[in-house]
């Protein structure tokens, strides 16, 4: 995961920006794990948070841009 500097994670960045709470992130991670195991499907944390109404698409895009993964 690291190339000299540890990569930042979507959820941690969303919490740092104040878009979600730590508890909301933990809930989304829990949902992701359960779905991975029980339903054999994988949703990204941002998608889960959006589906739950905790984050908007512009907020998700802002986090992705901050991580260098979105459009500028």
PDB file of N, CA and C in Angstrom:
ATOM      1  N   UNK A   1       0.803  -1.184   0.000  1.00  0.00           N
ATOM      2  CA  UNK A   1       0.000   0.000   0.000  1.00  0.00           C
ATOM      3  C   UNK A   1       0.852   1.256   0.000  1.00  0.00           C
ATOM      4  N   UNK A   2       2.037   1.194   0.516  1.00  0.00           N
ATOM      5  CA  UNK A   2       2.842   2.399   0.650  1.00  0.00           C
ATOM      6  C   UNK A   2       4.006   2.400  -0.323  1.00  0.00           C
ATOM      7  N   UNK A   3       4.308   3.568  -0.811  1.00  0.00           N
ATOM      8  CA  UNK A   3       5.483   3.777  -1.646  1.00  0.00           C
ATOM      9  C   UNK A   3       6.314   4.866  -0.983  1.00  0.00           C
ATOM     10  N   UNK A   4       6.859   4.584   0.174  1.00  0.00           N
ATOM     11  CA  UNK A   4       7.617   5.581   0.910  1.00  0.00           C
ATOM     12  C   UNK A   4       6.721   6.411   1.824  1.00  0.00           C
ATOM     13  N   UNK A   5       5.577   6.811   1.312  1.00  0.00           N
ATOM     14  CA  UNK A   5       4.602   7.582   2.088  1.00  0.00           C
ATOM     15  C   UNK A   5       3.300   6.796   2.059  1.00  0.00           C
ATOM     16  N   UNK A   6       2.683   6.633   3.214  1.00  0.00           N
ATOM     17  CA  UNK A   6       1.442   5.868   3.289  1.00  0.00           C
ATOM     18  C   UNK A   6       0.340   6.578   2.511  1.00  0.00           C
ATOM     19  N   UNK A   7      -0.367   5.822   1.676  1.00  0.00           N
ATOM     20  CA  UNK A   7      -1.459   6.395   0.900  1.00  0.00           C
ATOM     21  C   UNK A   7      -2.615   6.757   1.818  1.00  0.00           C
ATOM     22  N   UNK A   8      -3.287   7.833   1.480  1.00  0.00           N
ATOM     23  CA  UNK A   8      -4.443   8.257   2.260  1.00  0.00           C
ATOM     24  C   UNK A   8      -5.654   7.473   1.818  1.00  0.00           C
ATOM     25  N   UNK A   9      -6.575   7.311   2.707  1.00  0.00           N
ATOM     26  CA  UNK A   9      -7.782   6.537   2.443  1.00  0.00           C
ATOM     27  C   UNK A   9      -8.980   7.462   2.284  1.00  0.00           C
ATOM     28  N   UNK A  10      -9.949   7.013   1.482  1.00  0.00           N
ATOM     29  CA  UNK A  10     -11.149   7.803   1.214  1.00  0.00           C
ATOM     30  C   UNK A  10     -11.869   8.170   2.511  1.00  0.00           C
ATOM     31  N   UNK A  11     -12.165   7.168   3.337  1.00  0.00           N
ATOM     32  CA  UNK A  11     -12.939   7.409   4.551  1.00  0.00           C
ATOM     33  C   UNK A  11     -12.265   8.368   5.511  1.00  0.00           C
ATOM     34  N   UNK A  12     -10.971   8.195   5.713  1.00  0.00           N
ATOM     35  CA  UNK A  12     -10.245   9.084   6.619  1.00  0.00           C
ATOM     36  C   UNK A  12     -10.265  10.523   6.108  1.00  0.00           C
ATOM     37  N   UNK A  13     -10.131  10.678   4.801  1.00  0.00           N
ATOM     38  CA  UNK A  13     -10.158  12.015   4.217  1.00  0.00           C
ATOM     39  C   UNK A  13     -11.546  12.638   4.354  1.00  0.00           C
ATOM     40  N   UNK A  14     -12.597  11.848   4.144  1.00  0.00           N
ATOM     41  CA  UNK A  14     -13.962  12.357   4.284  1.00  0.00           C
ATOM     42  C   UNK A  14     -14.235  12.808   5.713  1.00  0.00           C
ATOM     43  N   UNK A  15     -13.724  12.064   6.687  1.00  0.00           N
ATOM     44  CA  UNK A  15     -13.879  12.460   8.097  1.00  0.00           C
ATOM     45  C   UNK A  15     -13.104  13.749   8.360  1.00  0.00           C
ATOM     46  N   UNK A  16     -11.857  13.816   7.890  1.00  0.00           N
ATOM     47  CA  UNK A  16     -11.026  15.008   8.108  1.00  0.00           C
ATOM     48  C   UNK A  16     -11.665  16.260   7.502  1.00  0.00           C
ATOM     49  N   UNK A  17     -12.338  16.108   6.373  1.00  0.00           N
ATOM     50  CA  UNK A  17     -12.987  17.243   5.725  1.00  0.00           C
ATOM     51  C   UNK A  17     -14.317  17.612   6.393  1.00  0.00           C
ATOM     52  N   UNK A  18     -14.774  16.782   7.328  1.00  0.00           N
ATOM     53  CA  UNK A  18     -16.009  17.065   8.041  1.00  0.00           C
ATOM     54  C   UNK A  18     -17.262  16.642   7.300  1.00  0.00           C
ATOM     55  N   UNK A  19     -17.109  15.846   6.243  1.00  0.00           N
ATOM     56  CA  UNK A  19     -18.272  15.397   5.483  1.00  0.00           C
ATOM     57  C   UNK A  19     -19.045  14.306   6.212  1.00  0.00           C
ATOM     58  N   UNK A  20     -18.345  13.476   6.954  1.00  0.00           N
ATOM     59  CA  UNK A  20     -18.973  12.389   7.704  1.00  0.00           C
ATOM     60  C   UNK A  20     -18.330  12.303   9.079  1.00  0.00           C
ATOM     61  N   UNK A  21     -19.003  11.576   9.973  1.00  0.00           N
ATOM     62  CA  UNK A  21     -18.434  11.324  11.290  1.00  0.00           C
ATOM     63  C   UNK A  21     -17.666  10.005  11.257  1.00  0.00           C
ATOM     64  N   UNK A  22     -16.859   9.799  12.258  1.00  0.00           N
ATOM     65  CA  UNK A  22     -16.129   8.538  12.376  1.00  0.00           C
ATOM     66  C   UNK A  22     -17.103   7.369  12.502  1.00  0.00           C
ATOM     67  N   UNK A  23     -18.188   7.563  13.248  1.00  0.00           N
ATOM     68  CA  UNK A  23     -19.185   6.501  13.402  1.00  0.00           C
ATOM     69  C   UNK A  23     -19.856   6.160  12.074  1.00  0.00           C
ATOM     70  N   UNK A  24     -20.113   7.156  11.242  1.00  0.00           N
ATOM     71  CA  UNK A  24     -20.682   6.887   9.924  1.00  0.00           C
ATOM     72  C   UNK A  24     -19.711   6.099   9.055  1.00  0.00           C
ATOM     73  N   UNK A  25     -18.432   6.413   9.168  1.00  0.00           N
ATOM     74  CA  UNK A  25     -17.422   5.662   8.431  1.00  0.00           C
ATOM     75  C   UNK A  25     -17.376   4.212   8.896  1.00  0.00           C
ATOM     76  N   UNK A  26     -17.394   3.999  10.205  1.00  0.00           N
ATOM     77  CA  UNK A  26     -17.371   2.628  10.728  1.00  0.00           C
ATOM     78  C   UNK A  26     -18.589   1.834  10.266  1.00  0.00           C
ATOM     79  N   UNK A  27     -19.750   2.472  10.248  1.00  0.00           N
ATOM     80  CA  UNK A  27     -20.969   1.809   9.782  1.00  0.00           C
ATOM     81  C   UNK A  27     -20.830   1.411   8.309  1.00  0.00           C
ATOM     82  N   UNK A  28     -20.288   2.309   7.496  1.00  0.00           N
ATOM     83  CA  UNK A  28     -20.107   2.020   6.068  1.00  0.00           C
ATOM     84  C   UNK A  28     -19.113   0.880   5.864  1.00  0.00           C
ATOM     85  N   UNK A  29     -18.048   0.863   6.639  1.00  0.00           N
ATOM     86  CA  UNK A  29     -17.072  -0.231   6.546  1.00  0.00           C
ATOM     87  C   UNK A  29     -17.728  -1.552   6.932  1.00  0.00           C
ATOM     88  N   UNK A  30     -18.540  -1.528   7.979  1.00  0.00           N
ATOM     89  CA  UNK A  30     -19.254  -2.733   8.410  1.00  0.00           C
ATOM     90  C   UNK A  30     -20.169  -3.245   7.285  1.00  0.00           C
ATOM     91  N   UNK A  31     -20.913  -2.337   6.679  1.00  0.00           N
ATOM     92  CA  UNK A  31     -21.799  -2.711   5.574  1.00  0.00           C
ATOM     93  C   UNK A  31     -20.984  -3.312   4.436  1.00  0.00           C
ATOM     94  N   UNK A  32     -19.862  -2.693   4.115  1.00  0.00           N
ATOM     95  CA  UNK A  32     -19.019  -3.184   3.030  1.00  0.00           C
ATOM     96  C   UNK A  32     -18.529  -4.607   3.302  1.00  0.00           C
ATOM     97  N   UNK A  33     -18.100  -4.862   4.507  1.00  0.00           N
ATOM     98  CA  UNK A  33     -17.605  -6.194   4.866  1.00  0.00           C
ATOM     99  C   UNK A  33     -18.726  -7.226   4.800  1.00  0.00           C
ATOM    100  N   UNK A  34     -19.877  -6.896   5.359  1.00  0.00           N
ATOM    101  CA  UNK A  34     -21.008  -7.833   5.340  1.00  0.00           C
ATOM    102  C   UNK A  34     -21.406  -8.154   3.906  1.00  0.00           C
ATOM    103  N   UNK A  35     -21.500  -7.129   3.065  1.00  0.00           N
ATOM    104  CA  UNK A  35     -21.862  -7.369   1.668  1.00  0.00           C
ATOM    105  C   UNK A  35     -20.818  -8.217   0.953  1.00  0.00           C
ATOM    106  N   UNK A  36     -19.551  -7.948   1.230  1.00  0.00           N
ATOM    107  CA  UNK A  36     -18.477  -8.738   0.611  1.00  0.00           C
ATOM    108  C   UNK A  36     -18.624 -10.215   0.953  1.00  0.00           C
ATOM    109  N   UNK A  37     -18.926 -10.504   2.209  1.00  0.00           N
ATOM    110  CA  UNK A  37     -18.972 -11.886   2.682  1.00  0.00           C
ATOM    111  C   UNK A  37     -20.305 -12.559   2.363  1.00  0.00           C
ATOM    112  N   UNK A  38     -21.410 -11.903   2.683  1.00  0.00           N
ATOM    113  CA  UNK A  38     -22.717 -12.544   2.588  1.00  0.00           C
ATOM    114  C   UNK A  38     -23.356 -12.438   1.205  1.00  0.00           C
ATOM    115  N   UNK A  39     -23.102 -11.368   0.502  1.00  0.00           N
ATOM    116  CA  UNK A  39     -23.786 -11.145  -0.762  1.00  0.00           C
ATOM    117  C   UNK A  39     -22.854 -11.249  -1.959  1.00  0.00           C
ATOM    118  N   UNK A  40     -21.579 -11.461  -1.707  1.00  0.00           N
ATOM    119  CA  UNK A  40     -20.575 -11.586  -2.763  1.00  0.00           C
ATOM    120  C   UNK A  40     -20.620 -10.396  -3.724  1.00  0.00           C
ATOM    121  N   UNK A  41     -20.794  -9.196  -3.149  1.00  0.00           N
ATOM    122  CA  UNK A  41     -20.713  -7.987  -3.961  1.00  0.00           C
ATOM    123  C   UNK A  41     -19.872  -6.969  -3.207  1.00  0.00           C
ATOM    124  N   UNK A  42     -19.310  -6.039  -3.945  1.00  0.00           N
ATOM    125  CA  UNK A  42     -18.434  -5.053  -3.322  1.00  0.00           C
ATOM    126  C   UNK A  42     -18.845  -3.654  -3.776  1.00  0.00           C
ATOM    127  N   UNK A  43     -19.222  -2.832  -2.799  1.00  0.00           N
ATOM    128  CA  UNK A  43     -19.489  -1.418  -3.067  1.00  0.00           C
ATOM    129  C   UNK A  43     -18.387  -0.603  -2.427  1.00  0.00           C
ATOM    130  N   UNK A  44     -17.996   0.452  -3.093  1.00  0.00           N
ATOM    131  CA  UNK A  44     -17.000   1.352  -2.534  1.00  0.00           C
ATOM    132  C   UNK A  44     -17.601   2.119  -1.356  1.00  0.00           C
ATOM    133  N   UNK A  45     -16.751   2.515  -0.438  1.00  0.00           N
ATOM    134  CA  UNK A  45     -17.190   3.244   0.755  1.00  0.00           C
ATOM    135  C   UNK A  45     -17.956   4.509   0.366  1.00  0.00           C
ATOM    136  N   UNK A  46     -17.467   5.237  -0.616  1.00  0.00           N
ATOM    137  CA  UNK A  46     -18.157   6.449  -1.063  1.00  0.00           C
ATOM    138  C   UNK A  46     -19.557   6.173  -1.564  1.00  0.00           C
ATOM    139  N   UNK A  47     -19.734   5.080  -2.286  1.00  0.00           N
ATOM    140  CA  UNK A  47     -21.060   4.696  -2.791  1.00  0.00           C
ATOM    141  C   UNK A  47     -21.991   4.358  -1.634  1.00  0.00           C
ATOM    142  N   UNK A  48     -21.485   3.622  -0.663  1.00  0.00           N
ATOM    143  CA  UNK A  48     -22.299   3.275   0.514  1.00  0.00           C
ATOM    144  C   UNK A  48     -22.722   4.547   1.249  1.00  0.00           C
ATOM    145  N   UNK A  49     -21.782   5.445   1.481  1.00  0.00           N
ATOM    146  CA  UNK A  49     -22.086   6.684   2.199  1.00  0.00           C
ATOM    147  C   UNK A  49     -23.083   7.546   1.428  1.00  0.00           C
ATOM    148  N   UNK A  50     -22.972   7.562   0.112  1.00  0.00           N
ATOM    149  CA  UNK A  50     -23.924   8.305  -0.723  1.00  0.00           C
ATOM    150  C   UNK A  50     -25.305   7.657  -0.658  1.00  0.00           C
ATOM    151  N   UNK A  51     -25.346   6.328  -0.779  1.00  0.00           N
ATOM    152  CA  UNK A  51     -26.624   5.611  -0.727  1.00  0.00           C
ATOM    153  C   UNK A  51     -27.326   5.811   0.612  1.00  0.00           C
ATOM    154  N   UNK A  52     -26.550   5.978   1.675  1.00  0.00           N
ATOM    155  CA  UNK A  52     -27.130   6.198   3.006  1.00  0.00           C
ATOM    156  C   UNK A  52     -27.509   7.667   3.236  1.00  0.00           C
ATOM    157  N   UNK A  53     -27.156   8.537   2.311  1.00  0.00           N
ATOM    158  CA  UNK A  53     -27.470   9.954   2.446  1.00  0.00           C
ATOM    159  C   UNK A  53     -26.484  10.729   3.297  1.00  0.00           C
ATOM    160  N   UNK A  54     -25.326  10.126   3.587  1.00  0.00           N
ATOM    161  CA  UNK A  54     -24.330  10.803   4.425  1.00  0.00           C
ATOM    162  C   UNK A  54     -23.399  11.712   3.621  1.00  0.00           C
ATOM    163  N   UNK A  55     -23.256  11.431   2.322  1.00  0.00           N
ATOM    164  CA  UNK A  55     -22.390  12.248   1.467  1.00  0.00           C
ATOM    165  C   UNK A  55     -23.086  12.503   0.144  1.00  0.00           C
ATOM    166  N   UNK A  56     -22.797  13.676  -0.420  1.00  0.00           N
ATOM    167  CA  UNK A  56     -23.316  14.018  -1.742  1.00  0.00           C
ATOM    168  C   UNK A  56     -22.261  13.670  -2.798  1.00  0.00           C
ATOM    169  N   UNK A  57     -22.683  13.622  -4.034  1.00  0.00           N
ATOM    170  CA  UNK A  57     -21.745  13.347  -5.128  1.00  0.00           C
ATOM    171  C   UNK A  57     -20.645  14.421  -5.186  1.00  0.00           C
ATOM    172  N   UNK A  58     -20.974  15.715  -5.058  1.00  0.00           N
ATOM    173  CA  UNK A  58     -19.894  16.713  -5.053  1.00  0.00           C
ATOM    174  C   UNK A  58     -18.891  16.511  -3.906  1.00  0.00           C
ATOM    175  N   UNK A  59     -19.367  16.087  -2.738  1.00  0.00           N
ATOM    176  CA  UNK A  59     -18.452  15.813  -1.624  1.00  0.00           C
ATOM    177  C   UNK A  59     -17.543  14.624  -1.955  1.00  0.00           C
ATOM    178  N   UNK A  60     -18.117  13.582  -2.538  1.00  0.00           N
ATOM    179  CA  UNK A  60     -17.318  12.412  -2.923  1.00  0.00           C
ATOM    180  C   UNK A  60     -16.259  12.832  -3.936  1.00  0.00           C
ATOM    181  N   UNK A  61     -16.667  13.620  -4.927  1.00  0.00           N
ATOM    182  CA  UNK A  61     -15.709  14.089  -5.926  1.00  0.00           C
ATOM    183  C   UNK A  61     -14.605  14.926  -5.301  1.00  0.00           C
ATOM    184  N   UNK A  62     -14.949  15.762  -4.316  1.00  0.00           N
ATOM    185  CA  UNK A  62     -13.949  16.575  -3.630  1.00  0.00           C
ATOM    186  C   UNK A  62     -12.924  15.701  -2.919  1.00  0.00           C
ATOM    187  N   UNK A  63     -13.396  14.654  -2.256  1.00  0.00           N
ATOM    188  CA  UNK A  63     -12.474  13.732  -1.581  1.00  0.00           C
ATOM    189  C   UNK A  63     -11.563  13.055  -2.613  1.00  0.00           C
ATOM    190  N   UNK A  64     -12.147  12.602  -3.711  1.00  0.00           N
ATOM    191  CA  UNK A  64     -11.357  11.936  -4.747  1.00  0.00           C
ATOM    192  C   UNK A  64     -10.305  12.872  -5.340  1.00  0.00           C
ATOM    193  N   UNK A  65     -10.676  14.133  -5.549  1.00  0.00           N
ATOM    194  CA  UNK A  65      -9.705  15.107  -6.050  1.00  0.00           C
ATOM    195  C   UNK A  65      -8.579  15.294  -5.032  1.00  0.00           C
ATOM    196  N   UNK A  66      -8.937  15.364  -3.757  1.00  0.00           N
ATOM    197  CA  UNK A  66      -7.926  15.501  -2.693  1.00  0.00           C
ATOM    198  C   UNK A  66      -6.958  14.339  -2.673  1.00  0.00           C
ATOM    199  N   UNK A  67      -7.472  13.169  -3.041  1.00  0.00           N
ATOM    200  CA  UNK A  67      -6.630  11.968  -3.077  1.00  0.00           C
ATOM    201  C   UNK A  67      -5.904  11.798  -4.405  1.00  0.00           C
ATOM    202  N   UNK A  68      -6.136  12.731  -5.325  1.00  0.00           N
ATOM    203  CA  UNK A  68      -5.504  12.640  -6.629  1.00  0.00           C
ATOM    204  C   UNK A  68      -6.130  11.620  -7.538  1.00  0.00           C
ATOM    205  N   UNK A  69      -7.399  11.251  -7.256  1.00  0.00           N
ATOM    206  CA  UNK A  69      -8.081  10.213  -8.033  1.00  0.00           C
ATOM    207  C   UNK A  69      -9.279  10.747  -8.796  1.00  0.00           C
ATOM    208  N   UNK A  70      -9.556  12.019  -8.678  1.00  0.00           N
ATOM    209  CA  UNK A  70     -10.733  12.576  -9.339  1.00  0.00           C
ATOM    210  C   UNK A  70     -10.347  13.594 -10.387  1.00  0.00           C
ATOM    211  N   UNK A  71     -11.358  14.183 -10.977  1.00  0.00           N
ATOM    212  CA  UNK A  71     -11.126  15.192 -11.989  1.00  0.00           C
ATOM    213  C   UNK A  71     -10.873  16.520 -11.320  1.00  0.00           C
ATOM    214  N   UNK A  72      -9.961  17.286 -11.851  1.00  0.00           N
ATOM    215  CA  UNK A  72      -9.659  18.619 -11.310  1.00  0.00           C
ATOM    216  C   UNK A  72     -10.568  19.660 -11.896  1.00  0.00           C
TER     217      UNK A  72
END
